[in-house]
Amino acid sequence: MNLKNLRIVVDDREKKSGIPDLLKSVGLNVEMKTLPIGDYIVAPETIVERKSIRDLLASVFDGRLFDQCTRLKEHFEHPVILIEGNVDEVEEITDNPLIFYGAISTVVLDFKIPVIPTPSAAHTAKLLVSMCSRKDASKGPFLKKIKKSPDLERQQLSSLCSLPGVGEKFAVRMLEKFGTPLKVFTATTAELSKVEGLGEARAKKIKKVLDTKSKHLKKSNQKTLHDS
């Protein structure tokens, strides 16, 4: 098979993974672009989102994963999520591996997106080559006009959900009360405790996280802050 006739569109941010170089080394026609969703377009309706174990868990915790699944399904008939790495890592990253398996179950059963595991970048590259070499891979346009999603609201909610005891419900209530995340972060304990259902104990925990001086603060900065 002549791989030079096969085309794959790769997101620029994948360069550091080494996979684009592996694809080029076997003779594949690799086009680097900035993709608004997904990482590899292997056929007109087939897009692959590659995640390491850590990426997948991070995207579960900050709420991005299911947003990404929604957008992949909206724009491509055959999205695929590829999870690269050793699954044993899950237990090093989180005390509750069920978070990882729960997320995969949701992707497969609710979004109907297949999840394929690969152990390394070399195996990921082999899988991508095999996807590109399918008979239906060359028909139709690869790139579609896809507008970036309005991620700002999601990022605002995620920044608030990182606070102790704050889930999406409380994050929304905080924004309804204060207007911006910055005003939430600078609010007093008394002001925070007035958010419906939050209470004083949780407000105190939040203020402790926001007000406690970090051990990462460098001594030279501490002196400057003290002097000012």
Protein backbone atom coordinates (compact mmCIF):
# COMPACT_ATOMS: atom_id res chain seq x y z
CA MET A 1 0.00 0.00 0.00
CA ASN A 2 1.32 3.47 -0.92
CA LEU A 3 0.93 5.54 2.24
CA LYS A 4 1.79 8.76 0.34
CA ASN A 5 -1.74 8.71 -1.06
CA LEU A 6 -3.16 8.70 2.46
CA ARG A 7 -3.93 11.98 4.18
CA ILE A 8 -4.28 12.88 7.85
CA VAL A 9 -4.99 16.32 9.34
CA VAL A 10 -3.29 16.82 12.70
CA ASP A 11 -3.80 19.49 15.35
CA ASP A 12 -0.69 21.68 15.87
CA ARG A 13 -0.70 20.96 19.63
CA GLU A 14 0.04 17.29 18.94
CA LYS A 15 3.59 18.06 17.74
CA LYS A 16 5.10 17.52 21.18
CA SER A 17 3.58 14.02 21.42
CA GLY A 18 5.98 12.83 18.69
CA ILE A 19 3.09 11.15 16.84
CA PRO A 20 3.10 13.48 13.77
CA ASP A 21 6.80 12.64 13.22
CA LEU A 22 6.03 8.91 13.50
CA LEU A 23 3.26 9.30 10.89
CA LYS A 24 5.60 11.22 8.56
CA SER A 25 8.33 8.60 9.01
CA VAL A 26 6.11 5.87 7.52
CA GLY A 27 5.30 8.10 4.54
CA LEU A 28 1.85 9.38 5.48
CA ASN A 29 0.78 12.76 4.06
CA VAL A 30 0.51 14.80 7.30
CA GLU A 31 -1.13 18.24 7.31
CA MET A 32 -0.70 20.30 10.48
CA LYS A 33 -3.58 22.70 11.28
CA THR A 34 -5.12 24.33 14.35
CA LEU A 35 -8.23 22.22 14.86
CA PRO A 36 -11.09 23.70 16.92
CA ILE A 37 -12.07 20.19 18.07
CA GLY A 38 -10.29 16.83 18.05
CA ASP A 39 -6.65 15.98 17.35
CA TYR A 40 -6.57 13.83 14.19
CA ILE A 41 -8.95 13.82 11.23
CA VAL A 42 -8.36 10.46 9.53
CA ALA A 43 -11.34 10.56 7.15
CA PRO A 44 -14.02 13.13 6.24
CA GLU A 45 -16.36 11.96 9.04
CA THR A 46 -13.83 10.33 11.38
CA ILE A 47 -12.06 12.40 14.02
CA VAL A 48 -9.87 11.14 16.86
CA GLU A 49 -9.47 12.90 20.21
CA ARG A 50 -6.26 11.59 21.86
CA LYS A 51 -5.99 11.75 25.64
CA SER A 52 -3.41 10.50 28.08
CA ILE A 53 -4.79 8.93 31.27
CA ARG A 54 -3.98 12.19 33.09
CA ASP A 55 -5.64 14.32 30.37
CA LEU A 56 -8.79 12.23 30.58
CA LEU A 57 -9.05 12.54 34.36
CA ALA A 58 -8.28 16.28 34.26
CA SER A 59 -11.02 16.79 31.65
CA VAL A 60 -13.48 14.87 33.89
CA PHE A 61 -12.63 17.02 36.92
CA ASP A 62 -12.91 20.36 35.10
CA GLY A 63 -16.03 19.41 33.15
CA ARG A 64 -14.47 19.58 29.66
CA LEU A 65 -14.81 15.92 28.67
CA PHE A 66 -18.56 15.79 28.11
CA ASP A 67 -18.54 19.21 26.39
CA GLN A 68 -15.93 17.82 23.99
CA CYS A 69 -18.01 14.69 23.38
CA THR A 70 -21.06 16.83 22.57
CA ARG A 71 -19.09 18.90 20.05
CA LEU A 72 -17.42 15.86 18.45
CA LYS A 73 -20.85 14.26 17.92
CA GLU A 74 -22.32 17.50 16.57
CA HIS A 75 -19.73 17.82 13.81
CA PHE A 76 -18.52 14.31 12.94
CA GLU A 77 -20.38 11.11 12.19
CA HIS A 78 -17.62 8.87 13.57
CA PRO A 79 -15.75 10.44 16.50
CA VAL A 80 -13.32 8.22 18.42
CA ILE A 81 -11.66 8.83 21.78
CA LEU A 82 -8.23 7.26 22.09
CA ILE A 83 -6.76 6.80 25.58
CA GLU A 84 -2.99 6.46 25.55
CA GLY A 85 -0.90 5.06 28.38
CA ASN A 86 -0.90 2.50 31.16
CA VAL A 87 -4.30 2.29 32.89
CA ASP A 88 -2.54 1.43 36.18
CA GLU A 89 -1.66 5.16 36.31
CA VAL A 90 -5.28 5.85 37.27
CA GLU A 91 -4.64 4.60 40.79
CA GLU A 92 -1.63 6.92 41.16
CA ILE A 93 -3.68 9.95 40.10
CA THR A 94 -6.92 9.40 41.99
CA ASP A 95 -8.03 7.40 45.02
CA ASN A 96 -11.24 6.58 43.19
CA PRO A 97 -10.64 4.74 39.85
CA LEU A 98 -14.41 4.55 39.42
CA ILE A 99 -14.30 8.22 38.34
CA PHE A 100 -12.19 7.13 35.34
CA TYR A 101 -14.35 4.12 34.47
CA GLY A 102 -17.54 6.08 35.09
CA ALA A 103 -16.41 8.72 32.58
CA ILE A 104 -15.58 6.05 29.98
CA SER A 105 -18.97 4.39 30.57
CA THR A 106 -20.71 7.72 29.94
CA VAL A 107 -18.71 8.35 26.75
CA VAL A 108 -19.47 4.88 25.36
CA LEU A 109 -23.07 4.38 26.54
CA ASP A 110 -24.53 7.90 26.55
CA PHE A 111 -22.57 9.58 23.76
CA LYS A 112 -22.11 6.34 21.74
CA ILE A 113 -18.46 7.27 21.10
CA PRO A 114 -16.03 4.33 20.97
CA VAL A 115 -13.04 4.47 23.31
CA ILE A 116 -9.83 2.75 22.16
CA PRO A 117 -6.86 2.22 24.51
CA THR A 118 -3.26 2.28 23.24
CA PRO A 119 -0.16 1.74 25.41
CA SER A 120 2.14 4.31 23.74
CA ALA A 121 2.61 6.96 21.03
CA ALA A 122 4.08 4.31 18.68
CA HIS A 123 0.93 2.21 18.96
CA THR A 124 -1.28 5.29 18.59
CA ALA A 125 0.52 6.09 15.31
CA LYS A 126 -0.07 2.52 14.03
CA LEU A 127 -3.78 2.77 14.86
CA LEU A 128 -4.06 6.14 13.08
CA VAL A 129 -2.35 4.73 9.96
CA SER A 130 -4.80 1.82 9.89
CA MET A 131 -7.75 4.24 10.24
CA CYS A 132 -6.43 6.36 7.36
CA SER A 133 -6.00 3.34 5.11
CA ARG A 134 -9.66 2.30 5.16
CA LYS A 135 -11.43 2.44 1.79
CA ASP A 136 -13.82 5.23 2.77
CA ALA A 137 -11.07 7.50 4.13
CA SER A 138 -10.50 9.66 1.04
CA LYS A 139 -14.03 10.64 0.00
CA GLY A 140 -15.27 14.15 0.77
CA PRO A 141 -13.77 17.20 2.51
CA PHE A 142 -11.75 16.69 5.70
CA LEU A 143 -12.05 20.17 7.16
CA LYS A 144 -15.34 21.74 8.16
CA LYS A 145 -16.14 25.23 9.36
CA ILE A 146 -16.42 24.72 13.09
CA LYS A 147 -16.77 27.72 15.35
CA LYS A 148 -15.02 27.58 18.69
CA SER A 149 -17.46 26.86 21.48
CA PRO A 150 -18.31 29.59 24.00
CA ASP A 151 -15.85 28.21 26.57
CA LEU A 152 -15.72 31.34 28.73
CA GLU A 153 -18.76 30.46 30.83
CA ARG A 154 -17.46 26.89 31.26
CA GLN A 155 -14.06 28.24 32.38
CA GLN A 156 -15.72 30.61 34.88
CA LEU A 157 -17.74 27.74 36.38
CA SER A 158 -14.66 25.45 36.42
CA SER A 159 -12.59 28.05 38.27
CA LEU A 160 -15.27 28.24 40.99
CA CYS A 161 -15.77 24.45 41.12
CA SER A 162 -12.12 24.12 42.18
CA LEU A 163 -13.07 25.65 45.56
CA PRO A 164 -13.83 23.27 48.46
CA GLY A 165 -17.45 22.13 48.62
CA VAL A 166 -18.41 23.97 45.43
CA GLY A 167 -20.08 22.03 42.63
CA GLU A 168 -21.69 23.43 39.50
CA LYS A 169 -24.94 24.28 41.35
CA PHE A 170 -23.14 26.53 43.87
CA ALA A 171 -20.85 27.96 41.15
CA VAL A 172 -23.93 29.13 39.21
CA ARG A 173 -25.44 30.65 42.40
CA MET A 174 -22.17 32.46 43.13
CA LEU A 175 -22.10 33.99 39.65
CA GLU A 176 -25.77 34.98 40.00
CA LYS A 177 -24.94 36.77 43.27
CA PHE A 178 -21.50 38.28 42.54
CA GLY A 179 -21.39 38.55 38.72
CA THR A 180 -17.73 37.55 38.15
CA PRO A 181 -15.36 34.89 39.57
CA LEU A 182 -13.02 37.68 40.73
CA LYS A 183 -15.77 39.16 42.93
CA VAL A 184 -16.38 35.68 44.40
CA PHE A 185 -12.66 35.31 45.22
CA THR A 186 -12.53 38.73 46.89
CA ALA A 187 -15.83 38.39 48.80
CA THR A 188 -15.80 38.27 52.61
CA THR A 189 -16.75 35.15 54.56
CA ALA A 190 -20.01 36.84 55.56
CA GLU A 191 -20.85 37.65 51.93
CA LEU A 192 -20.04 34.11 50.78
CA SER A 193 -22.13 32.53 53.53
CA LYS A 194 -25.18 34.36 52.13
CA VAL A 195 -25.05 32.30 48.90
CA GLU A 196 -28.17 30.13 49.16
CA GLY A 197 -27.35 26.79 50.83
CA LEU A 198 -23.59 27.46 51.15
CA GLY A 199 -23.49 28.26 54.86
CA GLU A 200 -20.82 29.74 57.12
CA ALA A 201 -18.70 26.58 57.59
CA ARG A 202 -18.21 26.13 53.85
CA ALA A 203 -17.62 29.87 53.36
CA LYS A 204 -14.82 29.70 55.98
CA LYS A 205 -13.19 26.75 54.16
CA ILE A 206 -13.31 28.66 50.88
CA LYS A 207 -11.74 31.78 52.44
CA LYS A 208 -9.02 29.65 54.04
CA VAL A 209 -8.04 28.24 50.62
CA LEU A 210 -8.04 31.72 49.07
CA ASP A 211 -6.31 33.58 51.92
CA THR A 212 -3.67 31.11 53.19
CA LYS A 213 -0.19 32.15 52.06
CA SER A 214 1.28 29.59 49.66
CA LYS A 215 4.48 27.77 50.56
CA HIS A 216 5.55 28.43 46.95
CA LEU A 217 5.89 32.16 47.62
CA LYS A 218 9.57 33.03 47.16
CA LYS A 219 11.42 34.78 49.98
CA SER A 220 12.34 37.77 47.78
CA ASN A 221 8.65 38.25 46.94
CA GLN A 222 7.67 37.94 50.60
CA LYS A 223 10.08 40.81 51.45
CA THR A 224 8.65 42.96 48.63
CA LEU A 225 5.09 42.27 49.78
CA HIS A 226 6.06 43.04 53.39
CA ASP A 227 7.75 46.32 52.38
CA SER A 228 4.78 47.45 50.35
